[in-house]
Amino acid sequence: MQKVTIYTTPTCVYCKMTKAFFKENNVQYEEKDVSTDRTAADEMIKKSNQMGVPVVDIDGQILVGFDKEGLSRLLNIK
């Protein structure tokens, strides 16, 4: 099983869309709220070189924003 981590904030619409996509496709993930977790925010910035959310880490592959095609490709969802 792939390790999926999503870096989010509570008010982010695209974060909610990404999490809905995960739920719809039965993808297990770890969520890190960068608005309250400084360590997670630093980790996200180091991985993505930016401060925008969502940032999704799928086994070391980084996607920024709600990228349905990229998520489907990396998670092998048809």
C-alpha atoms as a PDB file:
ATOM      1  CA  MET A   1       0.000   0.000   0.000  1.00  0.00           C
ATOM      2  CA  GLN A   2       1.223   3.459  -0.868  1.00  0.00           C
ATOM      3  CA  LYS A   3       1.977   5.998   1.851  1.00  0.00           C
ATOM      4  CA  VAL A   4      -0.161   9.075   1.232  1.00  0.00           C
ATOM      5  CA  THR A   5       0.182  12.303   3.211  1.00  0.00           C
ATOM      6  CA  ILE A   6      -1.820  15.465   2.580  1.00  0.00           C
ATOM      7  CA  TYR A   7      -0.825  18.841   3.998  1.00  0.00           C
ATOM      8  CA  THR A   8      -3.913  21.010   4.517  1.00  0.00           C
ATOM      9  CA  THR A   9      -5.564  23.947   6.214  1.00  0.00           C
ATOM     10  CA  PRO A  10      -9.158  23.879   7.507  1.00  0.00           C
ATOM     11  CA  THR A  11     -10.428  26.566   5.104  1.00  0.00           C
ATOM     12  CA  CYS A  12      -8.832  25.226   1.907  1.00  0.00           C
ATOM     13  CA  VAL A  13     -11.453  24.289  -0.709  1.00  0.00           C
ATOM     14  CA  TYR A  14      -8.949  22.312  -2.801  1.00  0.00           C
ATOM     15  CA  CYS A  15      -7.869  20.371   0.281  1.00  0.00           C
ATOM     16  CA  LYS A  16     -11.504  19.365   0.813  1.00  0.00           C
ATOM     17  CA  MET A  17     -11.797  18.350  -2.846  1.00  0.00           C
ATOM     18  CA  THR A  18      -8.648  16.224  -2.574  1.00  0.00           C
ATOM     19  CA  LYS A  19      -9.873  14.509   0.601  1.00  0.00           C
ATOM     20  CA  ALA A  20     -13.258  13.856  -1.050  1.00  0.00           C
ATOM     21  CA  PHE A  21     -11.418  12.276  -3.992  1.00  0.00           C
ATOM     22  CA  PHE A  22      -9.505  10.052  -1.533  1.00  0.00           C
ATOM     23  CA  LYS A  23     -12.719   9.012   0.225  1.00  0.00           C
ATOM     24  CA  GLU A  24     -14.481   8.315  -3.076  1.00  0.00           C
ATOM     25  CA  ASN A  25     -11.606   6.039  -4.116  1.00  0.00           C
ATOM     26  CA  ASN A  26     -10.974   4.411  -0.708  1.00  0.00           C
ATOM     27  CA  VAL A  27      -7.492   5.906  -0.374  1.00  0.00           C
ATOM     28  CA  GLN A  28      -6.071   5.829   3.143  1.00  0.00           C
ATOM     29  CA  TYR A  29      -4.042   8.910   3.992  1.00  0.00           C
ATOM     30  CA  GLU A  30      -2.470  10.865   6.799  1.00  0.00           C
ATOM     31  CA  GLU A  31      -3.560  14.484   7.107  1.00  0.00           C
ATOM     32  CA  LYS A  32      -1.307  17.197   8.504  1.00  0.00           C
ATOM     33  CA  ASP A  33      -2.839  20.599   9.292  1.00  0.00           C
ATOM     34  CA  VAL A  34      -0.111  23.129   8.547  1.00  0.00           C
ATOM     35  CA  SER A  35      -2.105  25.962  10.151  1.00  0.00           C
ATOM     36  CA  THR A  36      -1.574  24.479  13.618  1.00  0.00           C
ATOM     37  CA  ASP A  37       1.480  22.246  13.168  1.00  0.00           C
ATOM     38  CA  ARG A  38       4.675  24.235  12.503  1.00  0.00           C
ATOM     39  CA  THR A  39       6.743  21.067  12.044  1.00  0.00           C
ATOM     40  CA  ALA A  40       4.325  19.840   9.356  1.00  0.00           C
ATOM     41  CA  ALA A  41       4.406  23.266   7.679  1.00  0.00           C
ATOM     42  CA  ASP A  42       8.215  23.208   7.576  1.00  0.00           C
ATOM     43  CA  GLU A  43       8.124  19.628   6.222  1.00  0.00           C
ATOM     44  CA  MET A  44       5.648  20.650   3.496  1.00  0.00           C
ATOM     45  CA  ILE A  45       7.726  23.659   2.449  1.00  0.00           C
ATOM     46  CA  LYS A  46      10.873  21.519   2.309  1.00  0.00           C
ATOM     47  CA  LYS A  47       9.117  18.943   0.096  1.00  0.00           C
ATOM     48  CA  SER A  48       7.284  21.336  -2.234  1.00  0.00           C
ATOM     49  CA  ASN A  49       9.359  24.539  -2.092  1.00  0.00           C
ATOM     50  CA  GLN A  50       6.182  26.556  -1.533  1.00  0.00           C
ATOM     51  CA  MET A  51       3.557  27.461   1.050  1.00  0.00           C
ATOM     52  CA  GLY A  52       0.318  26.738  -0.858  1.00  0.00           C
ATOM     53  CA  VAL A  53      -1.970  23.854   0.072  1.00  0.00           C
ATOM     54  CA  PRO A  54      -2.882  21.157  -0.536  1.00  0.00           C
ATOM     55  CA  VAL A  55       0.416  19.389  -0.970  1.00  0.00           C
ATOM     56  CA  VAL A  56       0.104  15.635  -1.447  1.00  0.00           C
ATOM     57  CA  ASP A  57       3.025  13.267  -0.927  1.00  0.00           C
ATOM     58  CA  ILE A  58       2.497   9.820  -2.464  1.00  0.00           C
ATOM     59  CA  ASP A  59       5.549   7.672  -1.738  1.00  0.00           C
ATOM     60  CA  GLY A  60       7.811  10.699  -2.242  1.00  0.00           C
ATOM     61  CA  GLN A  61       6.050  11.998  -5.360  1.00  0.00           C
ATOM     62  CA  ILE A  62       4.778  15.527  -4.672  1.00  0.00           C
ATOM     63  CA  LEU A  63       1.617  17.065  -6.116  1.00  0.00           C
ATOM     64  CA  VAL A  64       0.486  20.610  -5.394  1.00  0.00           C
ATOM     65  CA  GLY A  65      -3.157  21.632  -5.551  1.00  0.00           C
ATOM     66  CA  PHE A  66      -6.080  19.429  -6.525  1.00  0.00           C
ATOM     67  CA  ASP A  67      -4.625  17.497  -9.462  1.00  0.00           C
ATOM     68  CA  LYS A  68      -7.179  14.767 -10.181  1.00  0.00           C
ATOM     69  CA  GLU A  69      -5.238  13.379 -13.146  1.00  0.00           C
ATOM     70  CA  GLY A  70      -1.967  13.316 -11.208  1.00  0.00           C
ATOM     71  CA  LEU A  71      -3.598  11.681  -8.204  1.00  0.00           C
ATOM     72  CA  SER A  72      -5.278   9.067 -10.405  1.00  0.00           C
ATOM     73  CA  ARG A  73      -1.995   8.310 -12.159  1.00  0.00           C
ATOM     74  CA  LEU A  74       0.110   8.012  -8.994  1.00  0.00           C
ATOM     75  CA  LEU A  75      -2.560   5.974  -7.167  1.00  0.00           C
ATOM     76  CA  ASN A  76      -3.349   3.754 -10.183  1.00  0.00           C
ATOM     77  CA  ILE A  77      -7.018   4.791 -10.211  1.00  0.00           C
ATOM     78  CA  LYS A  78      -8.827   4.338 -13.523  1.00  0.00           C
END
